[in-house]
Amino acid sequence: MLLLIKSRIISGVVVLDLTGRLWILDLPLRDKINALLNEGHRHFVLNLAGVNYVDSSGLGQLVTIWTSIKNRNGYMTVLNPTNRVRKLLDITKLNSIFEIHDAEPDAVKRAGGAL
């Protein structure tokens, strides 16, 4: 299943609702984030509730995205990772890098805290 991305803006924060797989054969998330950064957006929530699979390339994309956002003085939070994805973030210790939230209002508030 290809990665589907729906974006919306809440209080100046871009919320990206992702559905599908985040893996080596699919790079639209990185491209979408780069386009949004070029438009001047700096605050992001990645809603991973619909992501059922992440491989090492997908994890690499998340790290690259996080770095790109940080380098532009932005902030990113992760929202609702599935149990499988949450376990992967725990195993790889990326849960210590990404701020993970279970409630959208909390994720948006935190991501927009630098506004």
N, C-alpha and C. Protein backbone atom coordinates (compact mmCIF):
# COMPACT_ATOMS: atom_id res chain seq x y z
N MET A 1 0.83 -1.18 0.00
CA MET A 1 0.00 0.00 0.00
C MET A 1 0.88 1.24 0.00
N LEU A 2 0.62 2.14 -0.92
CA LEU A 2 1.36 3.39 -0.98
C LEU A 2 1.02 4.26 0.23
N LEU A 3 1.95 5.11 0.59
CA LEU A 3 1.74 6.02 1.70
C LEU A 3 0.84 7.16 1.23
N LEU A 4 -0.28 7.35 1.92
CA LEU A 4 -1.18 8.45 1.63
C LEU A 4 -0.97 9.52 2.69
N ILE A 5 -0.95 10.78 2.25
CA ILE A 5 -0.69 11.89 3.16
C ILE A 5 -1.79 12.92 2.99
N LYS A 6 -2.46 13.22 4.09
CA LYS A 6 -3.44 14.30 4.12
C LYS A 6 -2.91 15.35 5.07
N SER A 7 -2.94 16.60 4.65
CA SER A 7 -2.44 17.66 5.52
C SER A 7 -3.54 18.64 5.87
N ARG A 8 -3.42 19.19 7.07
CA ARG A 8 -4.33 20.22 7.54
C ARG A 8 -3.54 21.10 8.49
N ILE A 9 -4.04 22.30 8.71
CA ILE A 9 -3.35 23.24 9.58
C ILE A 9 -4.25 23.57 10.76
N ILE A 10 -3.70 23.41 11.97
CA ILE A 10 -4.40 23.72 13.21
C ILE A 10 -3.52 24.68 14.00
N SER A 11 -4.01 25.87 14.22
CA SER A 11 -3.28 26.88 15.02
C SER A 11 -1.85 27.08 14.52
N GLY A 12 -1.67 27.11 13.22
CA GLY A 12 -0.35 27.34 12.64
C GLY A 12 0.54 26.12 12.57
N VAL A 13 0.03 24.96 13.01
CA VAL A 13 0.80 23.71 13.00
C VAL A 13 0.27 22.83 11.86
N VAL A 14 1.18 22.31 11.06
CA VAL A 14 0.79 21.40 9.98
C VAL A 14 0.66 19.99 10.56
N VAL A 15 -0.55 19.44 10.46
CA VAL A 15 -0.80 18.06 10.89
C VAL A 15 -0.84 17.20 9.64
N LEU A 16 0.01 16.21 9.58
CA LEU A 16 0.05 15.29 8.45
C LEU A 16 -0.48 13.94 8.90
N ASP A 17 -1.64 13.56 8.35
CA ASP A 17 -2.24 12.27 8.66
C ASP A 17 -1.73 11.26 7.63
N LEU A 18 -1.00 10.26 8.11
CA LEU A 18 -0.37 9.28 7.23
C LEU A 18 -1.11 7.95 7.29
N THR A 19 -1.26 7.33 6.12
CA THR A 19 -1.89 6.02 6.04
C THR A 19 -1.09 5.16 5.07
N GLY A 20 -0.75 3.95 5.50
CA GLY A 20 -0.03 3.02 4.64
C GLY A 20 1.32 2.62 5.22
N ARG A 21 2.28 2.44 4.32
CA ARG A 21 3.62 1.99 4.70
C ARG A 21 4.62 3.11 4.54
N LEU A 22 5.51 3.21 5.48
CA LEU A 22 6.62 4.15 5.40
C LEU A 22 7.86 3.29 5.18
N TRP A 23 8.26 3.17 3.90
CA TRP A 23 9.32 2.23 3.57
C TRP A 23 10.14 2.70 2.39
N ILE A 24 11.10 1.88 2.00
CA ILE A 24 12.12 2.25 1.02
C ILE A 24 11.54 2.65 -0.34
N LEU A 25 10.45 2.06 -0.73
CA LEU A 25 9.90 2.32 -2.06
C LEU A 25 8.99 3.54 -2.12
N ASP A 26 8.85 4.24 -1.02
CA ASP A 26 7.89 5.34 -0.96
C ASP A 26 8.51 6.54 -0.26
N LEU A 27 8.73 7.63 -0.99
CA LEU A 27 9.39 8.79 -0.43
C LEU A 27 8.54 10.07 -0.44
N PRO A 28 7.22 9.99 -0.56
CA PRO A 28 6.44 11.23 -0.66
C PRO A 28 6.44 12.05 0.62
N LEU A 29 6.62 11.44 1.77
CA LEU A 29 6.60 12.19 3.02
C LEU A 29 7.77 13.17 3.08
N ARG A 30 8.95 12.71 2.76
CA ARG A 30 10.13 13.57 2.76
C ARG A 30 9.92 14.74 1.79
N ASP A 31 9.41 14.44 0.60
CA ASP A 31 9.17 15.47 -0.40
C ASP A 31 8.11 16.47 0.06
N LYS A 32 7.06 15.97 0.70
CA LYS A 32 5.98 16.83 1.20
C LYS A 32 6.51 17.77 2.29
N ILE A 33 7.28 17.23 3.22
CA ILE A 33 7.84 18.05 4.30
C ILE A 33 8.77 19.12 3.73
N ASN A 34 9.61 18.74 2.78
CA ASN A 34 10.53 19.71 2.18
C ASN A 34 9.76 20.83 1.49
N ALA A 35 8.68 20.49 0.79
CA ALA A 35 7.87 21.50 0.13
C ALA A 35 7.23 22.44 1.16
N LEU A 36 6.72 21.87 2.25
CA LEU A 36 6.12 22.69 3.30
C LEU A 36 7.15 23.58 3.99
N LEU A 37 8.35 23.06 4.21
CA LEU A 37 9.42 23.88 4.78
C LEU A 37 9.77 25.03 3.85
N ASN A 38 9.81 24.75 2.55
CA ASN A 38 10.12 25.80 1.57
C ASN A 38 9.02 26.86 1.50
N GLU A 39 7.80 26.48 1.89
CA GLU A 39 6.69 27.44 1.94
C GLU A 39 6.71 28.26 3.23
N GLY A 40 7.59 27.90 4.16
CA GLY A 40 7.72 28.66 5.39
C GLY A 40 7.12 28.00 6.62
N HIS A 41 6.53 26.84 6.48
CA HIS A 41 5.98 26.13 7.64
C HIS A 41 7.14 25.56 8.47
N ARG A 42 6.98 25.59 9.79
CA ARG A 42 8.06 25.12 10.67
C ARG A 42 7.60 24.18 11.77
N HIS A 43 6.30 24.05 11.96
CA HIS A 43 5.77 23.28 13.09
C HIS A 43 4.88 22.16 12.56
N PHE A 44 5.22 20.91 12.96
CA PHE A 44 4.59 19.74 12.37
C PHE A 44 4.18 18.70 13.41
N VAL A 45 3.07 18.04 13.10
CA VAL A 45 2.64 16.84 13.83
C VAL A 45 2.51 15.74 12.78
N LEU A 46 3.20 14.63 12.99
CA LEU A 46 3.06 13.47 12.11
C LEU A 46 2.13 12.47 12.80
N ASN A 47 0.92 12.33 12.26
CA ASN A 47 -0.05 11.39 12.81
C ASN A 47 0.20 10.02 12.17
N LEU A 48 0.74 9.10 12.96
CA LEU A 48 1.11 7.78 12.45
C LEU A 48 0.06 6.71 12.75
N ALA A 49 -1.14 7.12 13.13
CA ALA A 49 -2.19 6.16 13.49
C ALA A 49 -2.51 5.19 12.35
N GLY A 50 -2.37 5.63 11.11
CA GLY A 50 -2.70 4.78 9.96
C GLY A 50 -1.49 4.11 9.33
N VAL A 51 -0.33 4.23 9.96
CA VAL A 51 0.89 3.62 9.41
C VAL A 51 1.05 2.24 10.02
N ASN A 52 0.94 1.22 9.16
CA ASN A 52 0.98 -0.15 9.67
C ASN A 52 2.34 -0.83 9.50
N TYR A 53 3.27 -0.15 8.81
CA TYR A 53 4.57 -0.77 8.58
C TYR A 53 5.62 0.33 8.39
N VAL A 54 6.76 0.16 9.04
CA VAL A 54 7.91 1.05 8.86
C VAL A 54 9.15 0.17 8.77
N ASP A 55 9.96 0.38 7.73
CA ASP A 55 11.22 -0.34 7.64
C ASP A 55 12.37 0.60 8.00
N SER A 56 13.59 0.12 7.87
CA SER A 56 14.74 0.94 8.26
C SER A 56 14.84 2.21 7.42
N SER A 57 14.47 2.13 6.16
CA SER A 57 14.47 3.31 5.31
C SER A 57 13.42 4.31 5.79
N GLY A 58 12.28 3.81 6.22
CA GLY A 58 11.24 4.68 6.76
C GLY A 58 11.70 5.37 8.03
N LEU A 59 12.40 4.63 8.89
CA LEU A 59 12.96 5.24 10.09
C LEU A 59 13.98 6.32 9.72
N GLY A 60 14.78 6.01 8.72
CA GLY A 60 15.76 6.99 8.23
C GLY A 60 15.08 8.25 7.72
N GLN A 61 13.96 8.08 7.03
CA GLN A 61 13.20 9.25 6.56
C GLN A 61 12.73 10.10 7.73
N LEU A 62 12.22 9.44 8.78
CA LEU A 62 11.74 10.18 9.95
C LEU A 62 12.88 10.97 10.59
N VAL A 63 14.05 10.37 10.69
CA VAL A 63 15.20 11.07 11.27
C VAL A 63 15.61 12.24 10.38
N THR A 64 15.65 12.02 9.08
CA THR A 64 16.01 13.08 8.14
C THR A 64 15.01 14.23 8.20
N ILE A 65 13.73 13.89 8.27
CA ILE A 65 12.68 14.91 8.37
C ILE A 65 12.83 15.70 9.66
N TRP A 66 13.02 14.99 10.77
CA TRP A 66 13.19 15.65 12.06
C TRP A 66 14.38 16.61 12.02
N THR A 67 15.49 16.16 11.43
CA THR A 67 16.69 16.98 11.33
C THR A 67 16.45 18.21 10.46
N SER A 68 15.78 18.02 9.33
CA SER A 68 15.48 19.15 8.44
C SER A 68 14.63 20.20 9.14
N ILE A 69 13.65 19.74 9.89
CA ILE A 69 12.77 20.66 10.62
C ILE A 69 13.56 21.40 11.70
N LYS A 70 14.35 20.66 12.47
CA LYS A 70 15.17 21.28 13.53
C LYS A 70 16.15 22.29 12.96
N ASN A 71 16.76 21.97 11.81
CA ASN A 71 17.72 22.87 11.18
C ASN A 71 17.09 24.17 10.71
N ARG A 72 15.78 24.19 10.56
CA ARG A 72 15.07 25.41 10.16
C ARG A 72 14.32 26.02 11.35
N ASN A 73 14.81 25.70 12.53
CA ASN A 73 14.22 26.22 13.77
C ASN A 73 12.76 25.85 13.95
N GLY A 74 12.41 24.66 13.50
CA GLY A 74 11.05 24.17 13.64
C GLY A 74 10.96 23.10 14.72
N TYR A 75 9.76 22.51 14.81
CA TYR A 75 9.52 21.49 15.82
C TYR A 75 8.57 20.44 15.26
N MET A 76 8.81 19.20 15.61
CA MET A 76 7.98 18.09 15.13
C MET A 76 7.60 17.20 16.30
N THR A 77 6.35 16.81 16.34
CA THR A 77 5.91 15.78 17.28
C THR A 77 5.31 14.63 16.49
N VAL A 78 5.25 13.48 17.14
CA VAL A 78 4.66 12.28 16.55
C VAL A 78 3.37 11.98 17.32
N LEU A 79 2.34 11.64 16.58
CA LEU A 79 1.02 11.40 17.17
C LEU A 79 0.56 9.98 16.86
N ASN A 80 0.05 9.32 17.88
CA ASN A 80 -0.65 8.03 17.74
C ASN A 80 0.05 6.95 16.93
N PRO A 81 1.32 6.66 17.18
CA PRO A 81 1.90 5.54 16.44
C PRO A 81 1.19 4.24 16.83
N THR A 82 1.02 3.36 15.88
CA THR A 82 0.41 2.06 16.18
C THR A 82 1.31 1.32 17.15
N ASN A 83 0.80 0.29 17.78
CA ASN A 83 1.61 -0.49 18.73
C ASN A 83 2.87 -1.02 18.07
N ARG A 84 2.74 -1.49 16.85
CA ARG A 84 3.89 -2.03 16.13
C ARG A 84 4.95 -0.96 15.89
N VAL A 85 4.51 0.22 15.45
CA VAL A 85 5.45 1.31 15.18
C VAL A 85 6.03 1.84 16.48
N ARG A 86 5.21 1.94 17.52
CA ARG A 86 5.69 2.41 18.83
C ARG A 86 6.79 1.48 19.36
N LYS A 87 6.57 0.17 19.20
CA LYS A 87 7.58 -0.81 19.65
C LYS A 87 8.88 -0.62 18.88
N LEU A 88 8.79 -0.37 17.59
CA LEU A 88 9.97 -0.13 16.77
C LEU A 88 10.70 1.14 17.22
N LEU A 89 9.96 2.18 17.53
CA LEU A 89 10.57 3.42 18.04
C LEU A 89 11.25 3.18 19.39
N ASP A 90 10.65 2.32 20.21
CA ASP A 90 11.25 1.98 21.50
C ASP A 90 12.54 1.18 21.31
N ILE A 91 12.50 0.15 20.47
CA ILE A 91 13.66 -0.71 20.24
C ILE A 91 14.84 0.08 19.68
N THR A 92 14.55 1.00 18.77
CA THR A 92 15.62 1.79 18.14
C THR A 92 16.01 3.02 18.95
N LYS A 93 15.33 3.22 20.08
CA LYS A 93 15.57 4.37 20.97
C LYS A 93 15.21 5.70 20.32
N LEU A 94 14.49 5.67 19.22
CA LEU A 94 14.04 6.91 18.60
C LEU A 94 12.95 7.59 19.43
N ASN A 95 12.39 6.84 20.37
CA ASN A 95 11.41 7.45 21.26
C ASN A 95 12.07 8.49 22.17
N SER A 96 13.39 8.46 22.26
CA SER A 96 14.10 9.47 23.04
C SER A 96 14.41 10.71 22.20
N ILE A 97 14.24 10.60 20.89
CA ILE A 97 14.46 11.72 19.97
C ILE A 97 13.13 12.38 19.62
N PHE A 98 12.16 11.56 19.23
CA PHE A 98 10.84 12.07 18.84
C PHE A 98 9.95 12.21 20.06
N GLU A 99 9.27 13.33 20.14
CA GLU A 99 8.28 13.52 21.20
C GLU A 99 6.98 12.88 20.72
N ILE A 100 6.50 11.89 21.47
CA ILE A 100 5.34 11.09 21.06
C ILE A 100 4.14 11.43 21.94
N HIS A 101 3.00 11.67 21.28
CA HIS A 101 1.77 12.01 21.99
C HIS A 101 0.64 11.07 21.55
N ASP A 102 -0.31 10.87 22.45
CA ASP A 102 -1.48 10.05 22.15
C ASP A 102 -2.71 10.89 21.84
N ALA A 103 -2.68 12.17 22.18
CA ALA A 103 -3.83 13.05 21.95
C ALA A 103 -3.42 14.19 21.02
N GLU A 104 -4.22 14.41 19.97
CA GLU A 104 -3.89 15.44 19.00
C GLU A 104 -3.75 16.83 19.61
N PRO A 105 -4.65 17.27 20.50
CA PRO A 105 -4.48 18.61 21.06
C PRO A 105 -3.13 18.80 21.76
N ASP A 106 -2.66 17.77 22.46
CA ASP A 106 -1.36 17.84 23.13
C ASP A 106 -0.22 17.93 22.11
N ALA A 107 -0.31 17.14 21.05
CA ALA A 107 0.74 17.14 20.03
C ALA A 107 0.79 18.48 19.32
N VAL A 108 -0.36 19.03 19.00
CA VAL A 108 -0.42 20.33 18.31
C VAL A 108 0.10 21.44 19.22
N LYS A 109 -0.32 21.41 20.48
CA LYS A 109 0.12 22.42 21.43
C LYS A 109 1.64 22.39 21.58
N ARG A 110 2.21 21.22 21.71
CA ARG A 110 3.65 21.10 21.89
C ARG A 110 4.41 21.50 20.62
N ALA A 111 3.93 21.06 19.47
CA ALA A 111 4.60 21.40 18.21
C ALA A 111 4.52 22.91 17.96
N GLY A 112 3.45 23.51 18.36
CA GLY A 112 3.28 24.95 18.15
C GLY A 112 3.83 25.80 19.26
N GLY A 113 4.41 25.17 20.27
CA GLY A 113 4.94 25.90 21.43
C GLY A 113 5.97 26.93 21.08
N ALA A 114 6.63 26.74 19.94
CA ALA A 114 7.67 27.69 19.54
C ALA A 114 7.10 28.82 18.70
N LEU A 115 5.79 28.82 18.46
CA LEU A 115 5.18 29.87 17.63
C LEU A 115 5.23 31.21 18.30
